[in-house]
N, C-alpha and C. Protein backbone atom coordinates (compact mmCIF):
# COMPACT_ATOMS: atom_id res chain seq x y z
N MET A 1 181.09 35.18 -18.60
CA MET A 1 180.73 35.14 -20.00
C MET A 1 181.97 35.40 -20.83
N LEU A 2 181.98 34.79 -21.94
CA LEU A 2 183.08 34.96 -22.87
C LEU A 2 182.73 36.02 -23.90
N ASP A 3 183.72 36.53 -24.51
CA ASP A 3 183.55 37.39 -25.67
C ASP A 3 183.73 36.50 -26.89
N ARG A 4 182.98 36.75 -27.92
CA ARG A 4 183.08 35.93 -29.12
C ARG A 4 184.52 35.84 -29.63
N SER A 5 185.28 36.91 -29.48
CA SER A 5 186.65 36.92 -29.96
C SER A 5 187.57 36.01 -29.13
N ASP A 6 187.11 35.54 -27.97
CA ASP A 6 187.89 34.62 -27.14
C ASP A 6 187.87 33.19 -27.69
N LEU A 7 186.94 32.91 -28.60
CA LEU A 7 186.82 31.56 -29.14
C LEU A 7 187.95 31.28 -30.12
N PRO A 8 188.33 30.01 -30.27
CA PRO A 8 189.37 29.65 -31.23
C PRO A 8 188.93 29.97 -32.67
N ARG A 9 189.89 30.23 -33.52
CA ARG A 9 189.61 30.59 -34.92
C ARG A 9 188.71 29.55 -35.60
N ALA A 10 188.98 28.26 -35.37
CA ALA A 10 188.17 27.20 -35.98
C ALA A 10 186.71 27.29 -35.54
N ALA A 11 186.48 27.60 -34.27
CA ALA A 11 185.11 27.74 -33.77
C ALA A 11 184.42 28.95 -34.41
N LEU A 12 185.14 30.04 -34.54
CA LEU A 12 184.58 31.23 -35.17
C LEU A 12 184.23 30.96 -36.63
N ASP A 13 185.11 30.26 -37.34
CA ASP A 13 184.84 29.91 -38.74
C ASP A 13 183.59 29.04 -38.85
N TYR A 14 183.44 28.08 -37.93
CA TYR A 14 182.28 27.19 -37.95
C TYR A 14 180.99 27.97 -37.64
N ILE A 15 181.05 28.85 -36.69
CA ILE A 15 179.88 29.67 -36.36
C ILE A 15 179.50 30.55 -37.54
N ASP A 16 180.49 31.16 -38.18
CA ASP A 16 180.22 31.97 -39.38
C ASP A 16 179.57 31.13 -40.48
N PHE A 17 180.07 29.91 -40.67
CA PHE A 17 179.50 29.00 -41.67
C PHE A 17 178.04 28.71 -41.34
N LEU A 18 177.76 28.36 -40.10
CA LEU A 18 176.39 28.05 -39.70
C LEU A 18 175.47 29.24 -39.89
N GLU A 19 175.93 30.42 -39.51
CA GLU A 19 175.10 31.62 -39.66
C GLU A 19 174.78 31.88 -41.12
N GLN A 20 175.74 31.68 -42.00
CA GLN A 20 175.50 31.89 -43.44
C GLN A 20 174.56 30.83 -44.01
N GLU A 21 174.79 29.57 -43.65
CA GLU A 21 173.96 28.48 -44.18
C GLU A 21 172.52 28.56 -43.67
N LEU A 22 172.36 28.91 -42.41
CA LEU A 22 171.03 28.94 -41.80
C LEU A 22 170.33 30.29 -41.95
N GLU A 23 171.11 31.29 -42.42
CA GLU A 23 170.59 32.65 -42.54
C GLU A 23 169.98 33.12 -41.22
N ALA A 24 170.72 32.87 -40.15
CA ALA A 24 170.30 33.26 -38.80
C ALA A 24 171.55 33.60 -38.00
N SER A 25 171.38 34.44 -37.01
CA SER A 25 172.53 34.79 -36.18
C SER A 25 172.63 33.85 -34.98
N ALA A 26 173.84 33.59 -34.58
CA ALA A 26 174.09 32.77 -33.39
C ALA A 26 174.26 33.74 -32.22
N ASP A 27 173.18 34.00 -31.51
CA ASP A 27 173.20 34.98 -30.43
C ASP A 27 173.61 34.38 -29.10
N LEU A 28 173.53 33.07 -28.97
CA LEU A 28 173.91 32.38 -27.74
C LEU A 28 174.79 31.20 -28.12
N ILE A 29 176.03 31.25 -27.67
CA ILE A 29 176.99 30.19 -27.98
C ILE A 29 177.54 29.67 -26.68
N SER A 30 177.41 28.37 -26.48
CA SER A 30 177.93 27.74 -25.27
C SER A 30 179.18 26.97 -25.62
N SER A 31 180.25 27.23 -24.86
CA SER A 31 181.50 26.51 -25.11
C SER A 31 181.83 25.57 -23.96
N GLY A 32 180.90 25.39 -23.04
CA GLY A 32 181.10 24.52 -21.89
C GLY A 32 179.87 24.52 -21.01
N PRO A 33 179.88 23.74 -19.93
CA PRO A 33 178.70 23.59 -19.09
C PRO A 33 178.42 24.75 -18.13
N ARG A 34 179.42 25.57 -17.85
CA ARG A 34 179.23 26.66 -16.89
C ARG A 34 178.75 27.93 -17.59
N ARG A 35 178.03 28.76 -16.87
CA ARG A 35 177.52 29.99 -17.48
C ARG A 35 178.65 30.93 -17.90
N GLU A 36 179.81 30.79 -17.26
CA GLU A 36 180.96 31.61 -17.63
C GLU A 36 181.53 31.21 -18.99
N GLU A 37 181.06 30.09 -19.53
CA GLU A 37 181.53 29.59 -20.82
C GLU A 37 180.49 29.82 -21.91
N THR A 38 179.80 30.93 -21.79
CA THR A 38 178.73 31.26 -22.72
C THR A 38 179.00 32.62 -23.35
N VAL A 39 178.69 32.71 -24.64
CA VAL A 39 178.81 33.98 -25.36
C VAL A 39 177.40 34.44 -25.70
N VAL A 40 177.05 35.65 -25.34
CA VAL A 40 175.79 36.26 -25.75
C VAL A 40 176.16 37.43 -26.65
N SER A 41 175.74 37.34 -27.91
CA SER A 41 176.08 38.39 -28.86
C SER A 41 175.41 39.70 -28.48
N GLY A 42 176.18 40.76 -28.48
CA GLY A 42 175.68 42.07 -28.12
C GLY A 42 174.69 42.60 -29.14
N GLY A 43 173.61 43.16 -28.64
CA GLY A 43 172.63 43.80 -29.50
C GLY A 43 171.66 42.84 -30.17
N GLY A 44 171.82 41.56 -29.96
CA GLY A 44 170.92 40.58 -30.57
C GLY A 44 169.60 40.48 -29.82
N PRO A 45 168.66 39.75 -30.38
CA PRO A 45 167.35 39.63 -29.73
C PRO A 45 167.41 38.97 -28.36
N LEU A 46 168.33 38.05 -28.16
CA LEU A 46 168.44 37.40 -26.86
C LEU A 46 168.86 38.39 -25.79
N GLU A 47 169.84 39.22 -26.11
CA GLU A 47 170.28 40.23 -25.14
C GLU A 47 169.14 41.19 -24.81
N LYS A 48 168.37 41.57 -25.80
CA LYS A 48 167.24 42.47 -25.55
C LYS A 48 166.18 41.78 -24.70
N TRP A 49 165.93 40.50 -24.93
CA TRP A 49 164.93 39.76 -24.18
C TRP A 49 165.36 39.55 -22.74
N LEU A 50 166.64 39.23 -22.53
CA LEU A 50 167.14 38.99 -21.17
C LEU A 50 167.24 40.27 -20.35
N GLY A 51 167.60 41.37 -21.01
CA GLY A 51 167.65 42.67 -20.36
C GLY A 51 168.45 42.68 -19.07
N GLU A 52 167.79 43.06 -17.99
CA GLU A 52 168.45 43.20 -16.68
C GLU A 52 168.96 41.87 -16.15
N ARG A 53 168.31 40.77 -16.53
CA ARG A 53 168.77 39.46 -16.05
C ARG A 53 170.16 39.16 -16.58
N LEU A 54 170.44 39.52 -17.82
CA LEU A 54 171.77 39.31 -18.38
C LEU A 54 172.78 40.18 -17.65
N ALA A 55 172.44 41.41 -17.38
CA ALA A 55 173.34 42.31 -16.65
C ALA A 55 173.64 41.76 -15.26
N ALA A 56 172.66 41.15 -14.61
CA ALA A 56 172.87 40.57 -13.28
C ALA A 56 173.84 39.39 -13.34
N VAL A 57 173.71 38.55 -14.36
CA VAL A 57 174.62 37.42 -14.51
C VAL A 57 176.02 37.92 -14.82
N GLN A 58 176.15 38.90 -15.69
CA GLN A 58 177.46 39.45 -16.02
C GLN A 58 178.12 40.05 -14.78
N ALA A 59 177.34 40.72 -13.96
CA ALA A 59 177.89 41.30 -12.73
C ALA A 59 178.34 40.20 -11.77
N ALA A 60 177.60 39.10 -11.73
CA ALA A 60 177.93 38.01 -10.81
C ALA A 60 179.23 37.31 -11.20
N VAL A 61 179.55 37.31 -12.49
CA VAL A 61 180.79 36.65 -12.94
C VAL A 61 181.91 37.66 -13.13
N GLY A 62 181.66 38.90 -12.77
CA GLY A 62 182.72 39.90 -12.77
C GLY A 62 182.98 40.58 -14.09
N GLU A 63 181.97 40.80 -14.89
CA GLU A 63 182.16 41.51 -16.16
C GLU A 63 181.71 42.94 -16.04
């Protein structure tokens, strides 16, 4: 999994724009086809819903 801060500045600006325009948070961001290329925002509803399953995936990819 990636950290949101690992994304390029242009991607972060675009995500911020979308969040403001849609008045919603981007809790799951995919930057590629592999699960290691995914950002799950900490503390968001998706992380709460995934719970232990997210922790298992993070452990499998070495986080």
